[in-house]
PDB file of N, CA and C in Angstrom:
ATOM      1  N   UNK A   1      31.657  12.370  -1.959  1.00  0.00           N
ATOM      2  CA  UNK A   1      31.016  11.380  -1.192  1.00  0.00           C
ATOM      3  C   UNK A   1      31.761  10.239  -1.051  1.00  0.00           C
ATOM      4  N   UNK A   2      31.969   9.673   0.249  1.00  0.00           N
ATOM      5  CA  UNK A   2      32.938   8.667   0.152  1.00  0.00           C
ATOM      6  C   UNK A   2      32.068   7.389   0.068  1.00  0.00           C
ATOM      7  N   UNK A   3      32.825   6.298  -0.475  1.00  0.00           N
ATOM      8  CA  UNK A   3      32.278   4.958  -0.816  1.00  0.00           C
ATOM      9  C   UNK A   3      31.310   4.377   0.095  1.00  0.00           C
ATOM     10  N   UNK A   4      31.457   4.730   1.555  1.00  0.00           N
ATOM     11  CA  UNK A   4      30.622   4.344   2.383  1.00  0.00           C
ATOM     12  C   UNK A   4      29.340   5.092   2.614  1.00  0.00           C
ATOM     13  N   UNK A   5      29.469   6.393   2.173  1.00  0.00           N
ATOM     14  CA  UNK A   5      28.166   7.169   2.377  1.00  0.00           C
ATOM     15  C   UNK A   5      27.474   6.919   1.086  1.00  0.00           C
ATOM     16  N   UNK A   6      28.153   6.628   0.004  1.00  0.00           N
ATOM     17  CA  UNK A   6      27.487   6.217  -1.102  1.00  0.00           C
ATOM     18  C   UNK A   6      26.752   4.890  -1.160  1.00  0.00           C
ATOM     19  N   UNK A   7      27.284   3.860  -0.536  1.00  0.00           N
ATOM     20  CA  UNK A   7      26.646   2.585  -0.189  1.00  0.00           C
ATOM     21  C   UNK A   7      25.599   2.630   0.785  1.00  0.00           C
ATOM     22  N   UNK A   8      25.694   3.606   1.654  1.00  0.00           N
ATOM     23  CA  UNK A   8      24.611   3.847   2.635  1.00  0.00           C
ATOM     24  C   UNK A   8      23.276   4.424   1.942  1.00  0.00           C
ATOM     25  N   UNK A   9      23.422   5.476   1.033  1.00  0.00           N
ATOM     26  CA  UNK A   9      22.649   6.191   0.525  1.00  0.00           C
ATOM     27  C   UNK A   9      21.938   5.259  -0.504  1.00  0.00           C
ATOM     28  N   UNK A  10      22.613   4.436  -1.207  1.00  0.00           N
ATOM     29  CA  UNK A  10      22.070   3.387  -2.265  1.00  0.00           C
ATOM     30  C   UNK A  10      21.045   2.391  -1.397  1.00  0.00           C
ATOM     31  N   UNK A  11      21.650   1.986  -0.375  1.00  0.00           N
ATOM     32  CA  UNK A  11      20.866   1.131   0.670  1.00  0.00           C
ATOM     33  C   UNK A  11      19.405   1.759   1.107  1.00  0.00           C
ATOM     34  N   UNK A  12      19.591   2.994   1.343  1.00  0.00           N
ATOM     35  CA  UNK A  12      18.453   3.621   1.834  1.00  0.00           C
ATOM     36  C   UNK A  12      17.257   3.935   0.720  1.00  0.00           C
ATOM     37  N   UNK A  13      17.726   4.059  -0.584  1.00  0.00           N
ATOM     38  CA  UNK A  13      16.989   4.421  -1.425  1.00  0.00           C
ATOM     39  C   UNK A  13      16.570   3.115  -2.309  1.00  0.00           C
ATOM     40  N   UNK A  14      17.111   1.998  -1.961  1.00  0.00           N
ATOM     41  CA  UNK A  14      17.046   0.700  -2.502  1.00  0.00           C
ATOM     42  C   UNK A  14      17.571   0.737  -4.115  1.00  0.00           C
ATOM     43  N   UNK A  15      18.840   1.345  -4.375  1.00  0.00           N
ATOM     44  CA  UNK A  15      19.264   1.414  -5.545  1.00  0.00           C
ATOM     45  C   UNK A  15      20.269   0.679  -5.684  1.00  0.00           C
ATOM     46  N   UNK A  16      20.593   0.025  -7.126  1.00  0.00           N
ATOM     47  CA  UNK A  16      21.549  -0.985  -7.424  1.00  0.00           C
ATOM     48  C   UNK A  16      22.303  -0.332  -8.686  1.00  0.00           C
ATOM     49  N   UNK A  17      23.097   0.094  -8.616  1.00  0.00           N
ATOM     50  CA  UNK A  17      24.366   0.691  -9.764  1.00  0.00           C
ATOM     51  C   UNK A  17      24.354  -0.212 -10.820  1.00  0.00           C
ATOM     52  N   UNK A  18      24.484  -1.674 -10.580  1.00  0.00           N
ATOM     53  CA  UNK A  18      24.633  -2.468 -11.745  1.00  0.00           C
ATOM     54  C   UNK A  18      23.375  -3.096 -12.235  1.00  0.00           C
ATOM     55  N   UNK A  19      21.888  -2.921 -11.647  1.00  0.00           N
ATOM     56  CA  UNK A  19      20.766  -3.166 -12.101  1.00  0.00           C
ATOM     57  C   UNK A  19      20.594  -2.720 -13.806  1.00  0.00           C
ATOM     58  N   UNK A  20      20.065  -3.338 -14.415  1.00  0.00           N
ATOM     59  CA  UNK A  20      19.557  -3.139 -15.667  1.00  0.00           C
ATOM     60  C   UNK A  20      18.517  -2.005 -15.608  1.00  0.00           C
ATOM     61  N   UNK A  21      18.378  -1.208 -16.627  1.00  0.00           N
ATOM     62  CA  UNK A  21      17.446  -0.054 -16.545  1.00  0.00           C
ATOM     63  C   UNK A  21      16.221  -0.681 -16.956  1.00  0.00           C
ATOM     64  N   UNK A  22      15.030  -0.164 -16.358  1.00  0.00           N
ATOM     65  CA  UNK A  22      13.807  -0.401 -16.665  1.00  0.00           C
ATOM     66  C   UNK A  22      13.307  -0.181 -17.965  1.00  0.00           C
ATOM     67  N   UNK A  23      12.552  -0.931 -18.869  1.00  0.00           N
ATOM     68  CA  UNK A  23      12.447  -0.649 -19.930  1.00  0.00           C
ATOM     69  C   UNK A  23      10.861   0.039 -20.126  1.00  0.00           C
ATOM     70  N   UNK A  24      10.421   0.063 -18.839  1.00  0.00           N
ATOM     71  CA  UNK A  24       8.926   0.755 -18.738  1.00  0.00           C
ATOM     72  C   UNK A  24       9.018   2.161 -18.413  1.00  0.00           C
ATOM     73  N   UNK A  25       8.212   3.005 -18.485  1.00  0.00           N
ATOM     74  CA  UNK A  25       8.295   4.371 -17.963  1.00  0.00           C
ATOM     75  C   UNK A  25       7.954   4.381 -16.535  1.00  0.00           C
ATOM     76  N   UNK A  26       8.209   5.364 -15.913  1.00  0.00           N
ATOM     77  CA  UNK A  26       7.803   5.164 -14.208  1.00  0.00           C
ATOM     78  C   UNK A  26       6.347   5.413 -14.471  1.00  0.00           C
ATOM     79  N   UNK A  27       5.416   5.869 -15.159  1.00  0.00           N
ATOM     80  CA  UNK A  27       4.072   5.870 -14.970  1.00  0.00           C
ATOM     81  C   UNK A  27       3.433   4.497 -15.369  1.00  0.00           C
ATOM     82  N   UNK A  28       3.944   3.640 -15.822  1.00  0.00           N
ATOM     83  CA  UNK A  28       3.716   2.284 -16.231  1.00  0.00           C
ATOM     84  C   UNK A  28       2.949   1.429 -15.067  1.00  0.00           C
ATOM     85  N   UNK A  29       1.795   0.942 -15.127  1.00  0.00           N
ATOM     86  CA  UNK A  29       1.153   0.083 -14.316  1.00  0.00           C
ATOM     87  C   UNK A  29       0.880  -1.078 -14.683  1.00  0.00           C
ATOM     88  N   UNK A  30       1.440  -2.151 -14.061  1.00  0.00           N
ATOM     89  CA  UNK A  30       1.233  -3.458 -14.699  1.00  0.00           C
ATOM     90  C   UNK A  30       0.019  -4.309 -14.227  1.00  0.00           C
ATOM     91  N   UNK A  31      -0.363  -4.162 -12.919  1.00  0.00           N
ATOM     92  CA  UNK A  31      -1.524  -4.663 -12.482  1.00  0.00           C
ATOM     93  C   UNK A  31      -2.431  -3.680 -11.748  1.00  0.00           C
ATOM     94  N   UNK A  32      -3.579  -3.615 -12.206  1.00  0.00           N
ATOM     95  CA  UNK A  32      -4.715  -2.681 -11.309  1.00  0.00           C
ATOM     96  C   UNK A  32      -5.841  -3.516 -10.687  1.00  0.00           C
ATOM     97  N   UNK A  33      -6.013  -3.480  -9.438  1.00  0.00           N
ATOM     98  CA  UNK A  33      -7.080  -4.017  -8.847  1.00  0.00           C
ATOM     99  C   UNK A  33      -8.091  -2.924  -8.369  1.00  0.00           C
ATOM    100  N   UNK A  34      -9.392  -3.050  -8.665  1.00  0.00           N
ATOM    101  CA  UNK A  34     -10.315  -2.055  -8.204  1.00  0.00           C
ATOM    102  C   UNK A  34     -11.410  -2.906  -7.294  1.00  0.00           C
ATOM    103  N   UNK A  35     -11.649  -2.299  -6.420  1.00  0.00           N
ATOM    104  CA  UNK A  35     -12.794  -3.046  -5.514  1.00  0.00           C
ATOM    105  C   UNK A  35     -13.724  -1.974  -4.880  1.00  0.00           C
ATOM    106  N   UNK A  36     -15.069  -2.594  -4.920  1.00  0.00           N
ATOM    107  CA  UNK A  36     -16.182  -1.595  -4.637  1.00  0.00           C
ATOM    108  C   UNK A  36     -17.098  -2.518  -3.475  1.00  0.00           C
ATOM    109  N   UNK A  37     -17.258  -1.910  -2.434  1.00  0.00           N
ATOM    110  CA  UNK A  37     -18.353  -2.452  -1.492  1.00  0.00           C
ATOM    111  C   UNK A  37     -19.408  -1.452  -1.511  1.00  0.00           C
ATOM    112  N   UNK A  38     -20.639  -2.258  -1.311  1.00  0.00           N
ATOM    113  CA  UNK A  38     -21.697  -1.053  -1.422  1.00  0.00           C
ATOM    114  C   UNK A  38     -21.949  -0.662   0.066  1.00  0.00           C
ATOM    115  N   UNK A  39     -21.757  -1.579   1.131  1.00  0.00           N
ATOM    116  CA  UNK A  39     -21.901  -1.309   2.369  1.00  0.00           C
ATOM    117  C   UNK A  39     -20.880  -1.651   3.281  1.00  0.00           C
ATOM    118  N   UNK A  40     -20.618  -1.353   4.533  1.00  0.00           N
ATOM    119  CA  UNK A  40     -19.744  -1.864   5.312  1.00  0.00           C
ATOM    120  C   UNK A  40     -20.028  -1.526   6.771  1.00  0.00           C
ATOM    121  N   UNK A  41     -20.411  -2.518   7.665  1.00  0.00           N
ATOM    122  CA  UNK A  41     -20.730  -2.144   9.064  1.00  0.00           C
ATOM    123  C   UNK A  41     -19.636  -2.621   9.949  1.00  0.00           C
ATOM    124  N   UNK A  42     -19.221  -1.600  10.772  1.00  0.00           N
ATOM    125  CA  UNK A  42     -18.086  -1.960  11.900  1.00  0.00           C
ATOM    126  C   UNK A  42     -18.683  -1.935  12.993  1.00  0.00           C
ATOM    127  N   UNK A  43     -18.755  -2.905  13.949  1.00  0.00           N
ATOM    128  CA  UNK A  43     -18.902  -2.924  15.370  1.00  0.00           C
ATOM    129  C   UNK A  43     -17.884  -3.221  16.356  1.00  0.00           C
ATOM    130  N   UNK A  44     -17.580  -2.648  17.260  1.00  0.00           N
ATOM    131  CA  UNK A  44     -16.694  -2.920  18.285  1.00  0.00           C
ATOM    132  C   UNK A  44     -17.624  -3.279  19.559  1.00  0.00           C
ATOM    133  N   UNK A  45     -17.128  -4.374  20.058  1.00  0.00           N
ATOM    134  CA  UNK A  45     -17.956  -4.986  21.469  1.00  0.00           C
ATOM    135  C   UNK A  45     -16.907  -5.376  22.321  1.00  0.00           C
ATOM    136  N   UNK A  46     -17.639  -4.982  23.468  1.00  0.00           N
ATOM    137  CA  UNK A  46     -16.872  -5.384  24.789  1.00  0.00           C
ATOM    138  C   UNK A  46     -17.881  -6.425  25.595  1.00  0.00           C
ATOM    139  N   UNK A  47     -17.544  -7.414  25.754  1.00  0.00           N
ATOM    140  CA  UNK A  47     -18.559  -8.469  26.301  1.00  0.00           C
ATOM    141  C   UNK A  47     -18.542  -8.142  27.979  1.00  0.00           C
ATOM    142  N   UNK A  48     -17.608  -7.485  28.358  1.00  0.00           N
ATOM    143  CA  UNK A  48     -17.798  -7.169  29.805  1.00  0.00           C
ATOM    144  C   UNK A  48     -18.643  -6.158  30.288  1.00  0.00           C
ATOM    145  N   UNK A  49     -19.306  -5.427  29.491  1.00  0.00           N
ATOM    146  CA  UNK A  49     -20.265  -4.367  29.732  1.00  0.00           C
ATOM    147  C   UNK A  49     -21.590  -4.777  29.217  1.00  0.00           C
ATOM    148  N   UNK A  50     -22.764  -4.374  29.778  1.00  0.00           N
ATOM    149  CA  UNK A  50     -24.053  -4.909  29.511  1.00  0.00           C
ATOM    150  C   UNK A  50     -24.570  -4.757  28.223  1.00  0.00           C
ATOM    151  N   UNK A  51     -24.313  -3.566  27.767  1.00  0.00           N
ATOM    152  CA  UNK A  51     -24.810  -3.252  26.387  1.00  0.00           C
ATOM    153  C   UNK A  51     -23.915  -3.861  25.422  1.00  0.00           C
ATOM    154  N   UNK A  52     -22.536  -4.020  25.629  1.00  0.00           N
ATOM    155  CA  UNK A  52     -21.689  -4.633  24.741  1.00  0.00           C
ATOM    156  C   UNK A  52     -21.153  -4.048  23.706  1.00  0.00           C
ATOM    157  N   UNK A  53     -21.819  -3.080  22.819  1.00  0.00           N
ATOM    158  CA  UNK A  53     -21.401  -2.288  21.899  1.00  0.00           C
ATOM    159  C   UNK A  53     -20.690  -0.895  22.212  1.00  0.00           C
ATOM    160  N   UNK A  54     -19.400  -0.852  21.987  1.00  0.00           N
ATOM    161  CA  UNK A  54     -18.658   0.343  22.176  1.00  0.00           C
ATOM    162  C   UNK A  54     -18.954   1.264  20.955  1.00  0.00           C
ATOM    163  N   UNK A  55     -18.729   0.978  19.836  1.00  0.00           N
ATOM    164  CA  UNK A  55     -18.789   1.809  18.708  1.00  0.00           C
ATOM    165  C   UNK A  55     -19.527   0.997  17.408  1.00  0.00           C
ATOM    166  N   UNK A  56     -20.310   1.493  16.888  1.00  0.00           N
ATOM    167  CA  UNK A  56     -21.218   1.076  15.714  1.00  0.00           C
ATOM    168  C   UNK A  56     -21.083   1.999  14.483  1.00  0.00           C
ATOM    169  N   UNK A  57     -20.332   1.603  13.457  1.00  0.00           N
ATOM    170  CA  UNK A  57     -20.284   2.558  12.384  1.00  0.00           C
ATOM    171  C   UNK A  57     -20.815   1.962  10.941  1.00  0.00           C
ATOM    172  N   UNK A  58     -21.383   2.819  10.117  1.00  0.00           N
ATOM    173  CA  UNK A  58     -21.774   2.038   8.866  1.00  0.00           C
ATOM    174  C   UNK A  58     -21.373   3.105   7.711  1.00  0.00           C
ATOM    175  N   UNK A  59     -20.890   2.399   6.806  1.00  0.00           N
ATOM    176  CA  UNK A  59     -20.263   3.168   5.597  1.00  0.00           C
ATOM    177  C   UNK A  59     -20.936   2.848   4.288  1.00  0.00           C
ATOM    178  N   UNK A  60     -21.171   3.552   3.405  1.00  0.00           N
ATOM    179  CA  UNK A  60     -21.809   3.245   2.318  1.00  0.00           C
ATOM    180  C   UNK A  60     -20.962   3.594   1.179  1.00  0.00           C
ATOM    181  N   UNK A  61     -21.021   2.885   0.089  1.00  0.00           N
ATOM    182  CA  UNK A  61     -19.993   2.748  -1.011  1.00  0.00           C
ATOM    183  C   UNK A  61     -18.511   2.950  -0.718  1.00  0.00           C
ATOM    184  N   UNK A  62     -18.048   1.884  -0.237  1.00  0.00           N
ATOM    185  CA  UNK A  62     -16.363   1.831  -0.047  1.00  0.00           C
ATOM    186  C   UNK A  62     -15.751   1.537  -1.322  1.00  0.00           C
ATOM    187  N   UNK A  63     -14.724   2.163  -1.461  1.00  0.00           N
ATOM    188  CA  UNK A  63     -13.986   2.014  -2.977  1.00  0.00           C
ATOM    189  C   UNK A  63     -12.475   1.870  -2.594  1.00  0.00           C
ATOM    190  N   UNK A  64     -11.810   1.036  -3.384  1.00  0.00           N
ATOM    191  CA  UNK A  64     -10.305   0.857  -2.968  1.00  0.00           C
ATOM    192  C   UNK A  64      -9.652   0.589  -4.529  1.00  0.00           C
ATOM    193  N   UNK A  65      -8.588   1.221  -4.732  1.00  0.00           N
ATOM    194  CA  UNK A  65      -7.755   0.987  -5.901  1.00  0.00           C
ATOM    195  C   UNK A  65      -6.374   0.547  -5.735  1.00  0.00           C
ATOM    196  N   UNK A  66      -5.915  -0.345  -5.896  1.00  0.00           N
ATOM    197  CA  UNK A  66      -4.370  -0.895  -5.870  1.00  0.00           C
ATOM    198  C   UNK A  66      -3.691  -0.932  -7.284  1.00  0.00           C
ATOM    199  N   UNK A  67      -2.605  -0.385  -7.359  1.00  0.00           N
ATOM    200  CA  UNK A  67      -1.811  -0.515  -8.747  1.00  0.00           C
ATOM    201  C   UNK A  67      -0.475  -0.974  -8.142  1.00  0.00           C
ATOM    202  N   UNK A  68       0.098  -1.813  -9.247  1.00  0.00           N
ATOM    203  CA  UNK A  68       1.198  -2.447  -8.868  1.00  0.00           C
ATOM    204  C   UNK A  68       2.318  -2.093 -10.013  1.00  0.00           C
ATOM    205  N   UNK A  69       3.653  -1.951  -9.812  1.00  0.00           N
ATOM    206  CA  UNK A  69       4.468  -1.909 -10.923  1.00  0.00           C
ATOM    207  C   UNK A  69       5.328  -2.778 -10.434  1.00  0.00           C
ATOM    208  N   UNK A  70       5.610  -4.018 -11.176  1.00  0.00           N
ATOM    209  CA  UNK A  70       6.611  -5.024 -10.770  1.00  0.00           C
ATOM    210  C   UNK A  70       7.834  -4.863 -11.075  1.00  0.00           C
ATOM    211  N   UNK A  71       8.163  -3.843 -12.191  1.00  0.00           N
ATOM    212  CA  UNK A  71       9.615  -3.505 -12.530  1.00  0.00           C
ATOM    213  C   UNK A  71       9.963  -2.471 -11.423  1.00  0.00           C
ATOM    214  N   UNK A  72       9.128  -1.785 -10.572  1.00  0.00           N
ATOM    215  CA  UNK A  72       9.612  -0.812  -9.735  1.00  0.00           C
ATOM    216  C   UNK A  72       9.505  -1.297  -8.364  1.00  0.00           C
ATOM    217  N   UNK A  73       9.158  -2.652  -8.218  1.00  0.00           N
ATOM    218  CA  UNK A  73       8.593  -3.203  -7.131  1.00  0.00           C
ATOM    219  C   UNK A  73       7.879  -2.425  -6.289  1.00  0.00           C
ATOM    220  N   UNK A  74       6.818  -1.834  -6.671  1.00  0.00           N
ATOM    221  CA  UNK A  74       5.919  -0.815  -6.030  1.00  0.00           C
ATOM    222  C   UNK A  74       4.563  -0.845  -5.912  1.00  0.00           C
ATOM    223  N   UNK A  75       3.791  -0.502  -5.009  1.00  0.00           N
ATOM    224  CA  UNK A  75       2.416  -0.741  -5.016  1.00  0.00           C
ATOM    225  C   UNK A  75       1.868   0.922  -4.557  1.00  0.00           C
ATOM    226  N   UNK A  76       0.846   1.045  -5.359  1.00  0.00           N
ATOM    227  CA  UNK A  76       0.195   2.401  -4.843  1.00  0.00           C
ATOM    228  C   UNK A  76      -1.266   2.288  -4.275  1.00  0.00           C
TER     229      UNK A  76
END
């Protein structure tokens, strides 16, 4: 692999040869945010038509989980 190809690969995968190794395993999660909404109503409207409503959707129990690894600069 030429030095140019190597540099291009490292940029593509965001790797730095001189960076200090991570002290945490790859499975380590630094911050975890859990979010729960009991109901969510979504309405798309168009004021140009008489009825106005294009789409009406209702969801029950919406959940989200966000995990962050600062050492890996990653979100899941």
